Amino acid sequence: MSDKDYKEGREPLIPVHGGYRKLKGFQVAQLAFDVTVLFVEKYVNRFSRTCDQMVQAARSGVQNIAEGSQASATSKKTELKLTQVARASLEELRLDYEDFLRQRSLPTLAPDDPALMRFKARKPETLSAFREWVSAERKNSTDEHRQSGTNKDVSQSLNVHDRPCPSLTSACLAANGALSLLNLACWLLDRQVARLAEDFENEGGFSERLYRVRKNRREQR
């Protein structure tokens, strides 16, 4: 690839590649990885297989997006395959969080739950921002629970979804927040895979590009 190719309108043999850090899917998956490392440290038995599996699944999601993006220089097929591997790893991680909640009889919050709506409004991009949301929700839950316990009229006037829930522990909130991140990451990767598949179908891979470039150079000579 060279600037001359672009200036002269020629297709470069090695296209621009490796810009995975700018991908929203990568950024969200990386935050989910950071959250998972802290989550298993606090809430999962460190000697259990689940602990290692959750971390490895989270890491696989991030690493395969990066590797696929870098490999796209010479293999769109590899990029497509690795991006799909990343998607599958995040799906596995999503199931682990769902299992965590179900096996402990903790609620899986609906997308329109007030706590999750506030989470989405915050759009946390760092682990510290994620932790601040958990702390804020715990404080809200505690304050509202105390208020409802001393004022029955207030409790009765609240919508059922807005009533304080004692089961919204830090672990419950963290797991639901992680699930929200993973839902977004999986959706973004589904879109990315669909686009990569379409590009591969329309433009082919490295072999087809190599043929076009060589053919165009011979014709120009």
Protein backbone atom coordinates (compact mmCIF):
# COMPACT_ATOMS: atom_id res chain seq x y z
CA MET A 1 0.00 0.00 0.00
CA SER A 2 1.31 3.49 -0.79
CA ASP A 3 0.07 7.07 -0.97
CA LYS A 4 0.83 6.97 -4.68
CA ASP A 5 -1.73 4.23 -5.22
CA TYR A 6 -4.47 6.32 -3.64
CA LYS A 7 -3.46 9.52 -5.41
CA GLU A 8 -3.55 7.76 -8.79
CA GLY A 9 -6.82 6.02 -7.97
CA ARG A 10 -5.27 2.55 -8.04
CA GLU A 11 -6.41 -0.28 -5.81
CA PRO A 12 -3.68 -1.01 -3.25
CA LEU A 13 -2.55 -4.60 -2.80
CA ILE A 14 -2.50 -4.18 0.99
CA PRO A 15 -5.52 -2.06 2.06
CA VAL A 16 -5.83 0.02 5.20
CA HIS A 17 -6.30 -2.37 8.11
CA GLY A 18 -5.89 -2.83 11.86
CA GLY A 19 -8.12 0.03 13.00
CA TYR A 20 -9.84 -2.13 15.59
CA ARG A 21 -9.31 0.33 18.46
CA LYS A 22 -11.77 2.70 16.80
CA LEU A 23 -14.47 0.04 16.49
CA LYS A 24 -17.32 0.52 18.94
CA GLY A 25 -17.69 -3.24 19.20
CA PHE A 26 -14.09 -3.56 20.32
CA GLN A 27 -14.42 -0.76 22.87
CA VAL A 28 -17.54 -2.25 24.44
CA ALA A 29 -16.05 -5.77 24.46
CA GLN A 30 -12.90 -4.43 26.13
CA LEU A 31 -14.96 -2.78 28.88
CA ALA A 32 -16.90 -6.04 29.35
CA PHE A 33 -13.54 -7.80 29.73
CA ASP A 34 -12.40 -5.33 32.42
CA VAL A 35 -15.73 -5.67 34.23
CA THR A 36 -15.53 -9.48 34.08
CA VAL A 37 -12.03 -9.61 35.57
CA LEU A 38 -13.21 -7.56 38.55
CA PHE A 39 -16.54 -9.41 38.76
CA VAL A 40 -15.03 -12.90 39.08
CA GLU A 41 -12.47 -11.58 41.57
CA LYS A 42 -15.27 -10.37 43.83
CA TYR A 43 -18.16 -12.77 43.27
CA VAL A 44 -16.91 -16.07 41.78
CA ASN A 45 -14.86 -18.75 43.52
CA ARG A 46 -11.37 -18.25 42.17
CA PHE A 47 -10.73 -22.00 42.25
CA SER A 48 -13.74 -22.80 40.09
CA ARG A 49 -13.65 -23.48 36.35
CA THR A 50 -16.29 -20.80 35.89
CA CYS A 51 -13.84 -18.13 37.04
CA ASP A 52 -11.25 -19.04 34.39
CA GLN A 53 -13.85 -19.65 31.70
CA MET A 54 -15.49 -16.25 32.13
CA VAL A 55 -12.17 -14.42 31.96
CA GLN A 56 -11.02 -16.45 28.96
CA ALA A 57 -14.30 -15.90 27.11
CA ALA A 58 -14.11 -12.15 27.75
CA ARG A 59 -10.47 -12.05 26.65
CA SER A 60 -11.22 -14.11 23.54
CA GLY A 61 -13.87 -11.61 22.50
CA VAL A 62 -11.40 -8.74 22.62
CA GLN A 63 -8.37 -10.53 21.19
CA ASN A 64 -10.17 -12.06 18.23
CA ILE A 65 -11.61 -8.71 17.16
CA ALA A 66 -8.09 -7.26 17.19
CA GLU A 67 -6.50 -10.24 15.45
CA GLY A 68 -9.19 -10.34 12.79
CA SER A 69 -8.82 -6.64 12.09
CA GLN A 70 -5.06 -6.99 11.67
CA ALA A 71 -5.38 -10.11 9.51
CA SER A 72 -7.75 -8.30 7.14
CA ALA A 73 -4.73 -6.96 5.25
CA THR A 74 -4.25 -10.27 3.47
CA SER A 75 -7.30 -12.35 4.41
CA LYS A 76 -10.86 -11.11 4.61
CA LYS A 77 -11.86 -14.71 5.19
CA THR A 78 -9.73 -14.83 8.35
CA GLU A 79 -11.13 -11.51 9.53
CA LEU A 80 -14.67 -12.80 9.08
CA LYS A 81 -13.86 -16.06 10.87
CA LEU A 82 -12.13 -14.42 13.86
CA THR A 83 -14.84 -11.79 14.26
CA GLN A 84 -17.39 -14.59 14.41
CA VAL A 85 -15.21 -16.38 17.01
CA ALA A 86 -15.24 -13.17 19.07
CA ARG A 87 -19.02 -13.06 18.78
CA ALA A 88 -19.32 -16.68 19.93
CA SER A 89 -17.03 -16.04 22.91
CA LEU A 90 -19.13 -13.11 24.07
CA GLU A 91 -22.27 -15.23 23.71
CA GLU A 92 -20.67 -17.82 25.99
CA LEU A 93 -19.84 -15.10 28.49
CA ARG A 94 -23.40 -13.79 28.33
CA LEU A 95 -24.70 -17.24 29.28
CA ASP A 96 -22.30 -17.36 32.25
CA TYR A 97 -23.73 -14.11 33.63
CA GLU A 98 -27.28 -15.34 33.10
CA ASP A 99 -26.40 -18.58 34.91
CA PHE A 100 -24.88 -16.60 37.78
CA LEU A 101 -28.12 -14.71 38.31
CA ARG A 102 -30.44 -17.69 37.84
CA GLN A 103 -28.53 -20.04 40.13
CA ARG A 104 -28.60 -17.45 42.93
CA SER A 105 -32.27 -16.53 42.38
CA LEU A 106 -31.26 -12.97 41.46
CA PRO A 107 -33.35 -11.02 38.95
CA THR A 108 -32.36 -10.49 35.35
CA LEU A 109 -33.48 -6.92 34.78
CA ALA A 110 -35.69 -6.08 31.82
CA PRO A 111 -34.25 -3.67 29.21
CA ASP A 112 -36.68 -0.98 30.38
CA ASP A 113 -35.89 -1.42 34.09
CA PRO A 114 -35.14 2.03 35.61
CA ALA A 115 -31.71 0.91 36.82
CA LEU A 116 -30.70 -0.27 33.35
CA MET A 117 -32.20 2.80 31.74
CA ARG A 118 -29.96 4.92 33.96
CA PHE A 119 -27.04 2.66 33.04
CA LYS A 120 -27.63 3.23 29.32
CA ALA A 121 -28.04 6.96 29.87
CA ARG A 122 -24.66 7.10 31.60
CA LYS A 123 -22.96 5.25 28.71
CA PRO A 124 -20.02 4.14 30.88
CA GLU A 125 -16.79 3.81 28.91
CA THR A 126 -14.43 2.91 31.74
CA LEU A 127 -14.36 0.46 34.62
CA SER A 128 -14.48 3.31 37.14
CA ALA A 129 -17.61 4.72 35.48
CA PHE A 130 -19.20 1.26 35.63
CA ARG A 131 -18.41 0.97 39.34
CA GLU A 132 -19.82 4.44 39.99
CA TRP A 133 -23.13 3.33 38.45
CA VAL A 134 -23.26 0.24 40.69
CA SER A 135 -22.56 2.36 43.77
CA ALA A 136 -25.18 4.94 42.80
CA GLU A 137 -27.83 2.26 42.23
CA ARG A 138 -27.05 0.58 45.54
CA LYS A 139 -27.45 3.90 47.32
CA ASN A 140 -30.72 4.61 45.51
CA SER A 141 -32.03 1.17 46.36
CA THR A 142 -31.09 1.52 50.03
CA ASP A 143 -32.53 5.02 50.37
CA GLU A 144 -35.79 4.09 48.66
CA HIS A 145 -36.14 0.93 50.70
CA ARG A 146 -35.78 2.86 53.94
CA GLN A 147 -38.26 5.44 52.78
CA SER A 148 -40.82 2.85 51.72
CA GLY A 149 -40.41 1.06 55.02
CA THR A 150 -41.34 4.15 56.99
CA ASN A 151 -43.94 5.56 54.65
CA LYS A 152 -46.45 3.07 53.27
CA ASP A 153 -48.20 5.70 51.18
CA VAL A 154 -44.98 6.41 49.30
CA SER A 155 -44.42 2.71 48.64
CA GLN A 156 -47.94 2.21 47.36
CA SER A 157 -47.67 5.17 45.01
CA LEU A 158 -44.58 3.79 43.27
CA ASN A 159 -44.81 1.81 40.06
CA VAL A 160 -43.98 -1.85 40.66
CA HIS A 161 -40.81 -1.53 38.54
CA ASP A 162 -39.67 1.51 40.52
CA ARG A 163 -40.08 -0.01 43.96
CA PRO A 164 -36.83 -0.67 45.79
CA CYS A 165 -35.74 -4.28 45.52
CA PRO A 166 -33.56 -5.66 48.33
CA SER A 167 -32.18 -8.28 45.91
CA LEU A 168 -30.43 -5.59 43.86
CA THR A 169 -27.10 -6.28 45.49
CA SER A 170 -23.82 -5.11 44.04
CA ALA A 171 -23.33 -8.55 42.46
CA CYS A 172 -26.80 -8.43 40.90
CA LEU A 173 -26.28 -4.95 39.51
CA ALA A 174 -22.80 -5.74 38.21
CA ALA A 175 -24.02 -8.88 36.45
CA ASN A 176 -26.93 -7.02 34.85
CA GLY A 177 -24.67 -4.16 33.82
CA ALA A 178 -22.26 -6.63 32.25
CA LEU A 179 -25.17 -8.26 30.41
CA SER A 180 -26.21 -4.87 29.04
CA LEU A 181 -22.67 -4.32 27.73
CA LEU A 182 -22.58 -7.79 26.20
CA ASN A 183 -25.96 -7.33 24.54
CA LEU A 184 -24.61 -4.20 22.87
CA ALA A 185 -21.29 -5.80 21.93
CA CYS A 186 -23.02 -8.83 20.41
CA TRP A 187 -25.38 -6.61 18.42
CA LEU A 188 -22.46 -4.58 17.09
CA LEU A 189 -20.51 -7.70 16.15
CA ASP A 190 -23.54 -9.17 14.38
CA ARG A 191 -23.65 -6.04 12.24
CA GLN A 192 -19.91 -6.20 11.63
CA VAL A 193 -20.05 -9.87 10.59
CA ALA A 194 -22.92 -9.14 8.20
CA ARG A 195 -20.97 -6.29 6.61
CA LEU A 196 -17.79 -8.38 6.31
CA ALA A 197 -19.75 -11.22 4.70
CA GLU A 198 -21.28 -8.81 2.19
CA ASP A 199 -17.90 -7.27 1.37
CA PHE A 200 -16.34 -10.69 0.91
CA GLU A 201 -19.17 -11.76 -1.38
CA ASN A 202 -18.92 -8.60 -3.49
CA GLU A 203 -15.16 -8.05 -3.56
CA GLY A 204 -13.60 -11.42 -2.78
CA GLY A 205 -10.45 -11.88 -0.76
CA PHE A 206 -6.72 -11.35 -1.14
CA SER A 207 -6.36 -13.68 -4.14
CA GLU A 208 -8.99 -11.77 -6.09
CA ARG A 209 -7.40 -8.44 -5.15
CA LEU A 210 -3.96 -9.69 -6.16
CA TYR A 211 -5.32 -10.72 -9.56
CA ARG A 212 -7.03 -7.34 -10.09
CA VAL A 213 -3.95 -5.37 -9.07
CA ARG A 214 -1.62 -7.35 -11.34
CA LYS A 215 -4.08 -7.17 -14.22
CA ASN A 216 -4.45 -3.39 -13.85
CA ARG A 217 -0.68 -2.87 -13.67
CA ARG A 218 -0.12 -4.92 -16.85
CA GLU A 219 -2.78 -2.95 -18.66
CA GLN A 220 -1.24 0.36 -17.57
CA ARG A 221 2.13 -0.69 -18.87
